């Protein structure tokens, strides 16, 4: 979490092979304790660097670089509000036959 704009730009280019100069693209970086986030975004005429530190709790952050992913702005908002990005509702339950559903009386 000690890197500034120049260090994070080089990390995005060299380690991930992405273009940090794409306008409106936001890159997130997390500290080891997973309680701090840095955001790097290029606005067309310069970079914005912001950080957020949680006073309690931790971010649900991927453990390896291969687990990194693209987020929609909606997912980003949920993430920054402290929610997980993935749905907590499991979809792999077996379907139940209609006969098991009984109306209430």
PDB file of N, CA and C in Angstrom:
ATOM      1  N   UNK A   1       0.821  -1.201   0.000  1.00  0.00           N
ATOM      2  CA  UNK A   1       0.000   0.000   0.000  1.00  0.00           C
ATOM      3  C   UNK A   1       0.861   1.260   0.000  1.00  0.00           C
ATOM      4  N   UNK A   2       2.148   1.115  -0.177  1.00  0.00           N
ATOM      5  CA  UNK A   2       3.032   2.288  -0.181  1.00  0.00           C
ATOM      6  C   UNK A   2       3.211   2.905  -1.559  1.00  0.00           C
ATOM      7  N   UNK A   3       2.766   2.236  -2.587  1.00  0.00           N
ATOM      8  CA  UNK A   3       2.964   2.743  -3.946  1.00  0.00           C
ATOM      9  C   UNK A   3       2.054   3.925  -4.232  1.00  0.00           C
ATOM     10  N   UNK A   4       2.597   4.827  -5.027  1.00  0.00           N
ATOM     11  CA  UNK A   4       1.828   5.974  -5.478  1.00  0.00           C
ATOM     12  C   UNK A   4       1.301   5.729  -6.880  1.00  0.00           C
ATOM     13  N   UNK A   5       0.942   6.809  -7.560  1.00  0.00           N
ATOM     14  CA  UNK A   5       0.366   6.708  -8.900  1.00  0.00           C
ATOM     15  C   UNK A   5       1.324   6.031  -9.869  1.00  0.00           C
ATOM     16  N   UNK A   6       2.580   6.461  -9.916  1.00  0.00           N
ATOM     17  CA  UNK A   6       3.548   5.911 -10.867  1.00  0.00           C
ATOM     18  C   UNK A   6       3.773   4.414 -10.635  1.00  0.00           C
ATOM     19  N   UNK A   7       3.921   4.010  -9.391  1.00  0.00           N
ATOM     20  CA  UNK A   7       4.133   2.604  -9.076  1.00  0.00           C
ATOM     21  C   UNK A   7       2.929   1.740  -9.427  1.00  0.00           C
ATOM     22  N   UNK A   8       1.732   2.238  -9.177  1.00  0.00           N
ATOM     23  CA  UNK A   8       0.525   1.475  -9.485  1.00  0.00           C
ATOM     24  C   UNK A   8       0.296   1.383 -10.993  1.00  0.00           C
ATOM     25  N   UNK A   9       0.599   2.462 -11.717  1.00  0.00           N
ATOM     26  CA  UNK A   9       0.479   2.434 -13.178  1.00  0.00           C
ATOM     27  C   UNK A   9       1.417   1.382 -13.761  1.00  0.00           C
ATOM     28  N   UNK A  10       2.660   1.334 -13.278  1.00  0.00           N
ATOM     29  CA  UNK A  10       3.606   0.342 -13.784  1.00  0.00           C
ATOM     30  C   UNK A  10       3.180  -1.074 -13.394  1.00  0.00           C
ATOM     31  N   UNK A  11       2.593  -1.250 -12.225  1.00  0.00           N
ATOM     32  CA  UNK A  11       2.093  -2.558 -11.806  1.00  0.00           C
ATOM     33  C   UNK A  11       0.974  -3.041 -12.721  1.00  0.00           C
ATOM     34  N   UNK A  12       0.060  -2.146 -13.063  1.00  0.00           N
ATOM     35  CA  UNK A  12      -1.048  -2.497 -13.959  1.00  0.00           C
ATOM     36  C   UNK A  12      -0.514  -2.899 -15.331  1.00  0.00           C
ATOM     37  N   UNK A  13       0.453  -2.146 -15.836  1.00  0.00           N
ATOM     38  CA  UNK A  13       1.012  -2.442 -17.168  1.00  0.00           C
ATOM     39  C   UNK A  13       1.834  -3.715 -17.184  1.00  0.00           C
ATOM     40  N   UNK A  14       2.778  -3.842 -16.261  1.00  0.00           N
ATOM     41  CA  UNK A  14       3.733  -4.942 -16.308  1.00  0.00           C
ATOM     42  C   UNK A  14       3.192  -6.251 -15.744  1.00  0.00           C
ATOM     43  N   UNK A  15       2.480  -6.188 -14.638  1.00  0.00           N
ATOM     44  CA  UNK A  15       2.032  -7.416 -13.979  1.00  0.00           C
ATOM     45  C   UNK A  15       0.737  -7.958 -14.578  1.00  0.00           C
ATOM     46  N   UNK A  16      -0.193  -7.056 -14.914  1.00  0.00           N
ATOM     47  CA  UNK A  16      -1.490  -7.503 -15.411  1.00  0.00           C
ATOM     48  C   UNK A  16      -1.648  -7.341 -16.918  1.00  0.00           C
ATOM     49  N   UNK A  17      -0.757  -6.592 -17.566  1.00  0.00           N
ATOM     50  CA  UNK A  17      -0.839  -6.402 -19.011  1.00  0.00           C
ATOM     51  C   UNK A  17      -2.042  -5.595 -19.453  1.00  0.00           C
ATOM     52  N   UNK A  18      -2.518  -4.692 -18.606  1.00  0.00           N
ATOM     53  CA  UNK A  18      -3.681  -3.862 -18.922  1.00  0.00           C
ATOM     54  C   UNK A  18      -3.250  -2.431 -19.179  1.00  0.00           C
ATOM     55  N   UNK A  19      -4.121  -1.664 -19.816  1.00  0.00           N
ATOM     56  CA  UNK A  19      -3.823  -0.266 -20.136  1.00  0.00           C
ATOM     57  C   UNK A  19      -4.436   0.651 -19.086  1.00  0.00           C
ATOM     58  N   UNK A  20      -3.634   1.264 -18.222  1.00  0.00           N
ATOM     59  CA  UNK A  20      -4.187   2.151 -17.198  1.00  0.00           C
ATOM     60  C   UNK A  20      -4.621   3.506 -17.756  1.00  0.00           C
ATOM     61  N   UNK A  21      -4.330   3.781 -19.034  1.00  0.00           N
ATOM     62  CA  UNK A  21      -4.698   5.058 -19.628  1.00  0.00           C
ATOM     63  C   UNK A  21      -6.050   5.016 -20.331  1.00  0.00           C
ATOM     64  N   UNK A  22      -6.832   3.991 -20.077  1.00  0.00           N
ATOM     65  CA  UNK A  22      -8.174   3.914 -20.631  1.00  0.00           C
ATOM     66  C   UNK A  22      -9.095   4.752 -19.748  1.00  0.00           C
ATOM     67  N   UNK A  23      -9.687   5.771 -20.333  1.00  0.00           N
ATOM     68  CA  UNK A  23     -10.483   6.727 -19.567  1.00  0.00           C
ATOM     69  C   UNK A  23     -11.669   6.052 -18.883  1.00  0.00           C
ATOM     70  N   UNK A  24     -11.836   6.322 -17.591  1.00  0.00           N
ATOM     71  CA  UNK A  24     -12.970   5.818 -16.825  1.00  0.00           C
ATOM     72  C   UNK A  24     -12.780   4.426 -16.250  1.00  0.00           C
ATOM     73  N   UNK A  25     -11.619   3.809 -16.466  1.00  0.00           N
ATOM     74  CA  UNK A  25     -11.369   2.488 -15.907  1.00  0.00           C
ATOM     75  C   UNK A  25     -10.771   2.643 -14.522  1.00  0.00           C
ATOM     76  N   UNK A  26     -11.319   1.929 -13.564  1.00  0.00           N
ATOM     77  CA  UNK A  26     -10.899   2.018 -12.179  1.00  0.00           C
ATOM     78  C   UNK A  26     -10.180   0.735 -11.787  1.00  0.00           C
ATOM     79  N   UNK A  27      -9.009   0.866 -11.184  1.00  0.00           N
ATOM     80  CA  UNK A  27      -8.243  -0.282 -10.698  1.00  0.00           C
ATOM     81  C   UNK A  27      -8.230  -0.226  -9.176  1.00  0.00           C
ATOM     82  N   UNK A  28      -8.504  -1.364  -8.534  1.00  0.00           N
ATOM     83  CA  UNK A  28      -8.519  -1.454  -7.081  1.00  0.00           C
ATOM     84  C   UNK A  28      -7.342  -2.292  -6.601  1.00  0.00           C
ATOM     85  N   UNK A  29      -6.727  -1.872  -5.517  1.00  0.00           N
ATOM     86  CA  UNK A  29      -5.613  -2.588  -4.894  1.00  0.00           C
ATOM     87  C   UNK A  29      -5.924  -2.709  -3.407  1.00  0.00           C
ATOM     88  N   UNK A  30      -5.587  -3.858  -2.840  1.00  0.00           N
ATOM     89  CA  UNK A  30      -5.916  -4.120  -1.445  1.00  0.00           C
ATOM     90  C   UNK A  30      -4.654  -4.427  -0.656  1.00  0.00           C
ATOM     91  N   UNK A  31      -4.620  -4.013   0.613  1.00  0.00           N
ATOM     92  CA  UNK A  31      -3.497  -4.287   1.493  1.00  0.00           C
ATOM     93  C   UNK A  31      -3.528  -5.722   2.012  1.00  0.00           C
ATOM     94  N   UNK A  32      -2.457  -6.147   2.655  1.00  0.00           N
ATOM     95  CA  UNK A  32      -2.353  -7.520   3.160  1.00  0.00           C
ATOM     96  C   UNK A  32      -3.414  -7.851   4.199  1.00  0.00           C
ATOM     97  N   UNK A  33      -3.719  -6.896   5.050  1.00  0.00           N
ATOM     98  CA  UNK A  33      -4.722  -7.136   6.088  1.00  0.00           C
ATOM     99  C   UNK A  33      -6.143  -7.119   5.540  1.00  0.00           C
ATOM    100  N   UNK A  34      -6.288  -6.733   4.287  1.00  0.00           N
ATOM    101  CA  UNK A  34      -7.579  -6.636   3.593  1.00  0.00           C
ATOM    102  C   UNK A  34      -8.523  -5.636   4.256  1.00  0.00           C
ATOM    103  N   UNK A  35      -7.951  -4.621   4.892  1.00  0.00           N
ATOM    104  CA  UNK A  35      -8.787  -3.580   5.483  1.00  0.00           C
ATOM    105  C   UNK A  35      -8.585  -2.238   4.788  1.00  0.00           C
ATOM    106  N   UNK A  36      -7.737  -2.204   3.753  1.00  0.00           N
ATOM    107  CA  UNK A  36      -7.455  -0.967   3.025  1.00  0.00           C
ATOM    108  C   UNK A  36      -7.541  -1.200   1.532  1.00  0.00           C
ATOM    109  N   UNK A  37      -8.091  -0.203   0.844  1.00  0.00           N
ATOM    110  CA  UNK A  37      -8.248  -0.252  -0.607  1.00  0.00           C
ATOM    111  C   UNK A  37      -7.670   1.031  -1.195  1.00  0.00           C
ATOM    112  N   UNK A  38      -6.953   0.897  -2.308  1.00  0.00           N
ATOM    113  CA  UNK A  38      -6.541   2.057  -3.095  1.00  0.00           C
ATOM    114  C   UNK A  38      -7.207   1.959  -4.448  1.00  0.00           C
ATOM    115  N   UNK A  39      -7.687   3.082  -4.945  1.00  0.00           N
ATOM    116  CA  UNK A  39      -8.354   3.152  -6.238  1.00  0.00           C
ATOM    117  C   UNK A  39      -7.539   4.050  -7.159  1.00  0.00           C
ATOM    118  N   UNK A  40      -7.280   3.578  -8.358  1.00  0.00           N
ATOM    119  CA  UNK A  40      -6.553   4.344  -9.366  1.00  0.00           C
ATOM    120  C   UNK A  40      -7.434   4.450 -10.599  1.00  0.00           C
ATOM    121  N   UNK A  41      -7.668   5.696 -11.069  1.00  0.00           N
ATOM    122  CA  UNK A  41      -8.497   5.903 -12.249  1.00  0.00           C
ATOM    123  C   UNK A  41      -7.928   7.035 -13.088  1.00  0.00           C
ATOM    124  N   UNK A  42      -7.925   6.831 -14.396  1.00  0.00           N
ATOM    125  CA  UNK A  42      -7.476   7.862 -15.332  1.00  0.00           C
ATOM    126  C   UNK A  42      -8.704   8.582 -15.861  1.00  0.00           C
ATOM    127  N   UNK A  43      -8.710   9.916 -15.779  1.00  0.00           N
ATOM    128  CA  UNK A  43      -9.865  10.704 -16.200  1.00  0.00           C
ATOM    129  C   UNK A  43      -9.679  11.398 -17.543  1.00  0.00           C
ATOM    130  N   UNK A  44      -8.629  11.080 -18.260  1.00  0.00           N
ATOM    131  CA  UNK A  44      -8.403  11.695 -19.563  1.00  0.00           C
ATOM    132  C   UNK A  44      -7.322  12.751 -19.529  1.00  0.00           C
ATOM    133  N   UNK A  45      -7.254  13.503 -18.442  1.00  0.00           N
ATOM    134  CA  UNK A  45      -6.229  14.544 -18.312  1.00  0.00           C
ATOM    135  C   UNK A  45      -5.304  14.295 -17.124  1.00  0.00           C
ATOM    136  N   UNK A  46      -5.542  13.229 -16.380  1.00  0.00           N
ATOM    137  CA  UNK A  46      -4.697  12.897 -15.241  1.00  0.00           C
ATOM    138  C   UNK A  46      -5.303  11.764 -14.431  1.00  0.00           C
ATOM    139  N   UNK A  47      -4.547  11.311 -13.446  1.00  0.00           N
ATOM    140  CA  UNK A  47      -4.971  10.195 -12.599  1.00  0.00           C
ATOM    141  C   UNK A  47      -5.593  10.682 -11.305  1.00  0.00           C
ATOM    142  N   UNK A  48      -6.524   9.882 -10.791  1.00  0.00           N
ATOM    143  CA  UNK A  48      -7.106  10.081  -9.463  1.00  0.00           C
ATOM    144  C   UNK A  48      -6.661   8.886  -8.622  1.00  0.00           C
ATOM    145  N   UNK A  49      -6.137   9.167  -7.436  1.00  0.00           N
ATOM    146  CA  UNK A  49      -5.739   8.125  -6.503  1.00  0.00           C
ATOM    147  C   UNK A  49      -6.487   8.364  -5.203  1.00  0.00           C
ATOM    148  N   UNK A  50      -7.271   7.386  -4.790  1.00  0.00           N
ATOM    149  CA  UNK A  50      -8.044   7.505  -3.555  1.00  0.00           C
ATOM    150  C   UNK A  50      -7.806   6.266  -2.712  1.00  0.00           C
ATOM    151  N   UNK A  51      -8.025   6.400  -1.422  1.00  0.00           N
ATOM    152  CA  UNK A  51      -7.866   5.239  -0.539  1.00  0.00           C
ATOM    153  C   UNK A  51      -8.996   5.221   0.487  1.00  0.00           C
ATOM    154  N   UNK A  52      -9.271   4.017   0.978  1.00  0.00           N
ATOM    155  CA  UNK A  52     -10.289   3.838   2.011  1.00  0.00           C
ATOM    156  C   UNK A  52      -9.767   2.801   2.988  1.00  0.00           C
ATOM    157  N   UNK A  53      -9.876   3.098   4.279  1.00  0.00           N
ATOM    158  CA  UNK A  53      -9.469   2.165   5.323  1.00  0.00           C
ATOM    159  C   UNK A  53     -10.678   1.894   6.214  1.00  0.00           C
ATOM    160  N   UNK A  54     -10.986   0.617   6.389  1.00  0.00           N
ATOM    161  CA  UNK A  54     -12.100   0.231   7.248  1.00  0.00           C
ATOM    162  C   UNK A  54     -11.683   0.327   8.713  1.00  0.00           C
ATOM    163  N   UNK A  55     -12.580   0.803   9.556  1.00  0.00           N
ATOM    164  CA  UNK A  55     -12.272   0.868  10.986  1.00  0.00           C
ATOM    165  C   UNK A  55     -12.507  -0.476  11.659  1.00  0.00           C
ATOM    166  N   UNK A  56     -13.418  -1.272  11.096  1.00  0.00           N
ATOM    167  CA  UNK A  56     -13.574  -2.643  11.585  1.00  0.00           C
ATOM    168  C   UNK A  56     -14.084  -3.498  10.434  1.00  0.00           C
ATOM    169  N   UNK A  57     -13.638  -4.731  10.400  1.00  0.00           N
ATOM    170  CA  UNK A  57     -14.016  -5.637   9.320  1.00  0.00           C
ATOM    171  C   UNK A  57     -12.935  -5.699   8.254  1.00  0.00           C
ATOM    172  N   UNK A  58     -13.180  -6.546   7.271  1.00  0.00           N
ATOM    173  CA  UNK A  58     -12.240  -6.733   6.172  1.00  0.00           C
ATOM    174  C   UNK A  58     -12.999  -6.840   4.861  1.00  0.00           C
ATOM    175  N   UNK A  59     -12.311  -6.504   3.782  1.00  0.00           N
ATOM    176  CA  UNK A  59     -12.878  -6.678   2.455  1.00  0.00           C
ATOM    177  C   UNK A  59     -12.778  -8.143   2.053  1.00  0.00           C
ATOM    178  N   UNK A  60     -13.744  -8.619   1.294  1.00  0.00           N
ATOM    179  CA  UNK A  60     -13.703  -9.966   0.740  1.00  0.00           C
ATOM    180  C   UNK A  60     -12.909  -9.859  -0.564  1.00  0.00           C
ATOM    181  N   UNK A  61     -11.615 -10.120  -0.486  1.00  0.00           N
ATOM    182  CA  UNK A  61     -10.684  -9.878  -1.587  1.00  0.00           C
ATOM    183  C   UNK A  61     -10.126 -11.200  -2.100  1.00  0.00           C
ATOM    184  N   UNK A  62      -9.897 -11.329  -3.422  1.00  0.00           N
ATOM    185  CA  UNK A  62      -9.316 -12.574  -3.953  1.00  0.00           C
ATOM    186  C   UNK A  62      -7.931 -12.837  -3.369  1.00  0.00           C
ATOM    187  N   UNK A  63      -7.595 -14.114  -3.208  1.00  0.00           N
ATOM    188  CA  UNK A  63      -6.304 -14.482  -2.623  1.00  0.00           C
ATOM    189  C   UNK A  63      -5.168 -14.511  -3.638  1.00  0.00           C
ATOM    190  N   UNK A  64      -5.465 -14.735  -4.909  1.00  0.00           N
ATOM    191  CA  UNK A  64      -4.426 -14.793  -5.936  1.00  0.00           C
ATOM    192  C   UNK A  64      -4.761 -13.845  -7.077  1.00  0.00           C
ATOM    193  N   UNK A  65      -3.730 -13.499  -7.848  1.00  0.00           N
ATOM    194  CA  UNK A  65      -3.925 -12.598  -8.992  1.00  0.00           C
ATOM    195  C   UNK A  65      -4.803 -13.230 -10.064  1.00  0.00           C
ATOM    196  N   UNK A  66      -4.805 -14.550 -10.148  1.00  0.00           N
ATOM    197  CA  UNK A  66      -5.629 -15.224 -11.151  1.00  0.00           C
ATOM    198  C   UNK A  66      -7.122 -15.101 -10.837  1.00  0.00           C
ATOM    199  N   UNK A  67      -7.461 -14.768  -9.597  1.00  0.00           N
ATOM    200  CA  UNK A  67      -8.854 -14.597  -9.209  1.00  0.00           C
ATOM    201  C   UNK A  67      -9.350 -13.173  -9.426  1.00  0.00           C
ATOM    202  N   UNK A  68      -8.478 -12.288  -9.913  1.00  0.00           N
ATOM    203  CA  UNK A  68      -8.883 -10.901 -10.184  1.00  0.00           C
ATOM    204  C   UNK A  68      -9.952 -10.898 -11.269  1.00  0.00           C
ATOM    205  N   UNK A  69     -10.837  -9.926 -11.209  1.00  0.00           N
ATOM    206  CA  UNK A  69     -11.930  -9.882 -12.170  1.00  0.00           C
ATOM    207  C   UNK A  69     -12.372  -8.467 -12.450  1.00  0.00           C
ATOM    208  N   UNK A  70     -13.151  -8.317 -13.500  1.00  0.00           N
ATOM    209  CA  UNK A  70     -13.739  -7.025 -13.843  1.00  0.00           C
ATOM    210  C   UNK A  70     -15.060  -6.886 -13.109  1.00  0.00           C
ATOM    211  N   UNK A  71     -15.322  -5.693 -12.619  1.00  0.00           N
ATOM    212  CA  UNK A  71     -16.565  -5.418 -11.902  1.00  0.00           C
ATOM    213  C   UNK A  71     -17.382  -4.395 -12.666  1.00  0.00           C
ATOM    214  N   UNK A  72     -18.677  -4.488 -12.538  1.00  0.00           N
ATOM    215  CA  UNK A  72     -19.537  -3.426 -13.033  1.00  0.00           C
ATOM    216  C   UNK A  72     -19.542  -2.320 -11.972  1.00  0.00           C
ATOM    217  N   UNK A  73     -20.036  -1.151 -12.329  1.00  0.00           N
ATOM    218  CA  UNK A  73     -20.099  -0.065 -11.344  1.00  0.00           C
ATOM    219  C   UNK A  73     -21.052  -0.425 -10.214  1.00  0.00           C
ATOM    220  N   UNK A  74     -22.077  -1.206 -10.512  1.00  0.00           N
ATOM    221  CA  UNK A  74     -23.018  -1.643  -9.473  1.00  0.00           C
ATOM    222  C   UNK A  74     -22.328  -2.584  -8.481  1.00  0.00           C
ATOM    223  N   UNK A  75     -21.525  -3.519  -8.996  1.00  0.00           N
ATOM    224  CA  UNK A  75     -20.782  -4.425  -8.130  1.00  0.00           C
ATOM    225  C   UNK A  75     -19.753  -3.663  -7.296  1.00  0.00           C
ATOM    226  N   UNK A  76     -19.123  -2.659  -7.916  1.00  0.00           N
ATOM    227  CA  UNK A  76     -18.159  -1.821  -7.188  1.00  0.00           C
ATOM    228  C   UNK A  76     -18.850  -1.103  -6.022  1.00  0.00           C
ATOM    229  N   UNK A  77     -20.012  -0.537  -6.270  1.00  0.00           N
ATOM    230  CA  UNK A  77     -20.761   0.148  -5.206  1.00  0.00           C
ATOM    231  C   UNK A  77     -21.105  -0.810  -4.066  1.00  0.00           C
ATOM    232  N   UNK A  78     -21.555  -2.010  -4.407  1.00  0.00           N
ATOM    233  CA  UNK A  78     -21.870  -3.010  -3.374  1.00  0.00           C
ATOM    234  C   UNK A  78     -20.621  -3.364  -2.573  1.00  0.00           C
ATOM    235  N   UNK A  79     -19.507  -3.551  -3.288  1.00  0.00           N
ATOM    236  CA  UNK A  79     -18.250  -3.916  -2.647  1.00  0.00           C
ATOM    237  C   UNK A  79     -17.792  -2.837  -1.674  1.00  0.00           C
ATOM    238  N   UNK A  80     -17.834  -1.584  -2.092  1.00  0.00           N
ATOM    239  CA  UNK A  80     -17.391  -0.486  -1.243  1.00  0.00           C
ATOM    240  C   UNK A  80     -18.341  -0.249  -0.072  1.00  0.00           C
ATOM    241  N   UNK A  81     -19.590  -0.711  -0.199  1.00  0.00           N
ATOM    242  CA  UNK A  81     -20.543  -0.616   0.914  1.00  0.00           C
ATOM    243  C   UNK A  81     -20.399  -1.769   1.895  1.00  0.00           C
ATOM    244  N   UNK A  82     -19.473  -2.712   1.606  1.00  0.00           N
ATOM    245  CA  UNK A  82     -19.205  -3.793   2.532  1.00  0.00           C
ATOM    246  C   UNK A  82     -19.872  -5.112   2.195  1.00  0.00           C
ATOM    247  N   UNK A  83     -20.557  -5.179   1.081  1.00  0.00           N
ATOM    248  CA  UNK A  83     -21.205  -6.422   0.679  1.00  0.00           C
ATOM    249  C   UNK A  83     -20.258  -7.254  -0.169  1.00  0.00           C
ATOM    250  N   UNK A  84     -20.522  -8.563  -0.259  1.00  0.00           N
ATOM    251  CA  UNK A  84     -19.740  -9.401  -1.158  1.00  0.00           C
ATOM    252  C   UNK A  84     -20.228  -9.186  -2.579  1.00  0.00           C
ATOM    253  N   UNK A  85     -19.361  -9.463  -3.520  1.00  0.00           N
ATOM    254  CA  UNK A  85     -19.713  -9.263  -4.919  1.00  0.00           C
ATOM    255  C   UNK A  85     -20.569 -10.417  -5.423  1.00  0.00           C
ATOM    256  N   UNK A  86     -20.214 -11.639  -5.028  1.00  0.00           N
ATOM    257  CA  UNK A  86     -20.987 -12.795  -5.449  1.00  0.00           C
ATOM    258  C   UNK A  86     -22.274 -12.878  -4.644  1.00  0.00           C
ATOM    259  N   UNK A  87     -23.274 -13.458  -5.261  1.00  0.00           N
ATOM    260  CA  UNK A  87     -24.549 -13.646  -4.584  1.00  0.00           C
ATOM    261  C   UNK A  87     -24.405 -14.689  -3.491  1.00  0.00           C
ATOM    262  N   UNK A  88     -25.072 -14.480  -2.395  1.00  0.00           N
ATOM    263  CA  UNK A  88     -25.019 -15.451  -1.308  1.00  0.00           C
ATOM    264  C   UNK A  88     -26.106 -16.517  -1.454  1.00  0.00           C
ATOM    265  N   UNK A  89     -26.914 -16.402  -2.487  1.00  0.00           N
ATOM    266  CA  UNK A  89     -27.972 -17.377  -2.733  1.00  0.00           C
ATOM    267  C   UNK A  89     -27.405 -18.471  -3.631  1.00  0.00           C
ATOM    268  N   UNK A  90     -27.452 -19.692  -3.150  1.00  0.00           N
ATOM    269  CA  UNK A  90     -26.916 -20.806  -3.919  1.00  0.00           C
ATOM    270  C   UNK A  90     -27.917 -21.232  -4.974  1.00  0.00           C
ATOM    271  N   UNK A  91     -27.428 -21.505  -6.171  1.00  0.00           N
ATOM    272  CA  UNK A  91     -28.312 -21.913  -7.252  1.00  0.00           C
ATOM    273  C   UNK A  91     -28.139 -23.384  -7.605  1.00  0.00           C
ATOM    274  N   UNK A  92     -27.343 -24.120  -6.858  1.00  0.00           N
ATOM    275  CA  UNK A  92     -27.094 -25.504  -7.197  1.00  0.00           C
ATOM    276  C   UNK A  92     -27.945 -26.486  -6.388  1.00  0.00           C
ATOM    277  N   UNK A  93     -29.023 -26.017  -5.813  1.00  0.00           N
ATOM    278  CA  UNK A  93     -29.940 -26.920  -5.120  1.00  0.00           C
ATOM    279  C   UNK A  93     -30.752 -27.689  -6.156  1.00  0.00           C
ATOM    280  N   UNK A  94     -31.064 -28.948  -5.887  1.00  0.00           N
ATOM    281  CA  UNK A  94     -31.877 -29.705  -6.852  1.00  0.00           C
ATOM    282  C   UNK A  94     -33.291 -29.141  -6.899  1.00  0.00           C
ATOM    283  N   UNK A  95     -33.852 -29.167  -8.080  1.00  0.00           N
ATOM    284  CA  UNK A  95     -35.225 -28.680  -8.246  1.00  0.00           C
ATOM    285  C   UNK A  95     -36.181 -29.638  -7.562  1.00  0.00           C
ATOM    286  N   UNK A  96     -37.165 -29.089  -6.899  1.00  0.00           N
ATOM    287  CA  UNK A  96     -38.133 -29.919  -6.194  1.00  0.00           C
ATOM    288  C   UNK A  96     -39.374 -30.086  -7.063  1.00  0.00           C
ATOM    289  N   UNK A  97     -39.980 -31.255  -7.018  1.00  0.00           N
ATOM    290  CA  UNK A  97     -41.197 -31.469  -7.816  1.00  0.00           C
ATOM    291  C   UNK A  97     -42.336 -30.593  -7.304  1.00  0.00           C
ATOM    292  N   UNK A  98     -43.263 -30.294  -8.200  1.00  0.00           N
ATOM    293  CA  UNK A  98     -44.403 -29.434  -7.855  1.00  0.00           C
ATOM    294  C   UNK A  98     -45.273 -30.044  -6.769  1.00  0.00           C
ATOM    295  N   UNK A  99     -45.279 -31.376  -6.654  1.00  0.00           N
ATOM    296  CA  UNK A  99     -46.139 -32.023  -5.655  1.00  0.00           C
ATOM    297  C   UNK A  99     -45.684 -31.731  -4.224  1.00  0.00           C
ATOM    298  N   UNK A 100     -44.426 -31.325  -4.058  1.00  0.00           N
ATOM    299  CA  UNK A 100     -43.945 -31.049  -2.710  1.00  0.00           C
ATOM    300  C   UNK A 100     -44.379 -29.675  -2.208  1.00  0.00           C
ATOM    301  N   UNK A 101     -44.865 -28.842  -3.123  1.00  0.00           N
ATOM    302  CA  UNK A 101     -45.331 -27.518  -2.731  1.00  0.00           C
ATOM    303  C   UNK A 101     -46.802 -27.616  -2.384  1.00  0.00           C
ATOM    304  N   UNK A 102     -47.120 -27.313  -1.165  1.00  0.00           N
ATOM    305  CA  UNK A 102     -48.514 -27.406  -0.712  1.00  0.00           C
ATOM    306  C   UNK A 102     -49.001 -26.020  -0.316  1.00  0.00           C
ATOM    307  N   UNK A 103     -50.178 -25.666  -0.776  1.00  0.00           N
ATOM    308  CA  UNK A 103     -50.710 -24.346  -0.414  1.00  0.00           C
ATOM    309  C   UNK A 103     -51.058 -24.298   1.060  1.00  0.00           C
ATOM    310  N   UNK A 104     -50.934 -23.127   1.654  1.00  0.00           N
ATOM    311  CA  UNK A 104     -51.316 -22.914   3.051  1.00  0.00           C
ATOM    312  C   UNK A 104     -52.825 -22.814   3.168  1.00  0.00           C
ATOM    313  N   UNK A 105     -53.335 -23.305   4.281  1.00  0.00           N
ATOM    314  CA  UNK A 105     -54.793 -23.219   4.522  1.00  0.00           C
ATOM    315  C   UNK A 105     -55.072 -22.451   5.750  1.00  0.00           C
TER     316      UNK A 105
END
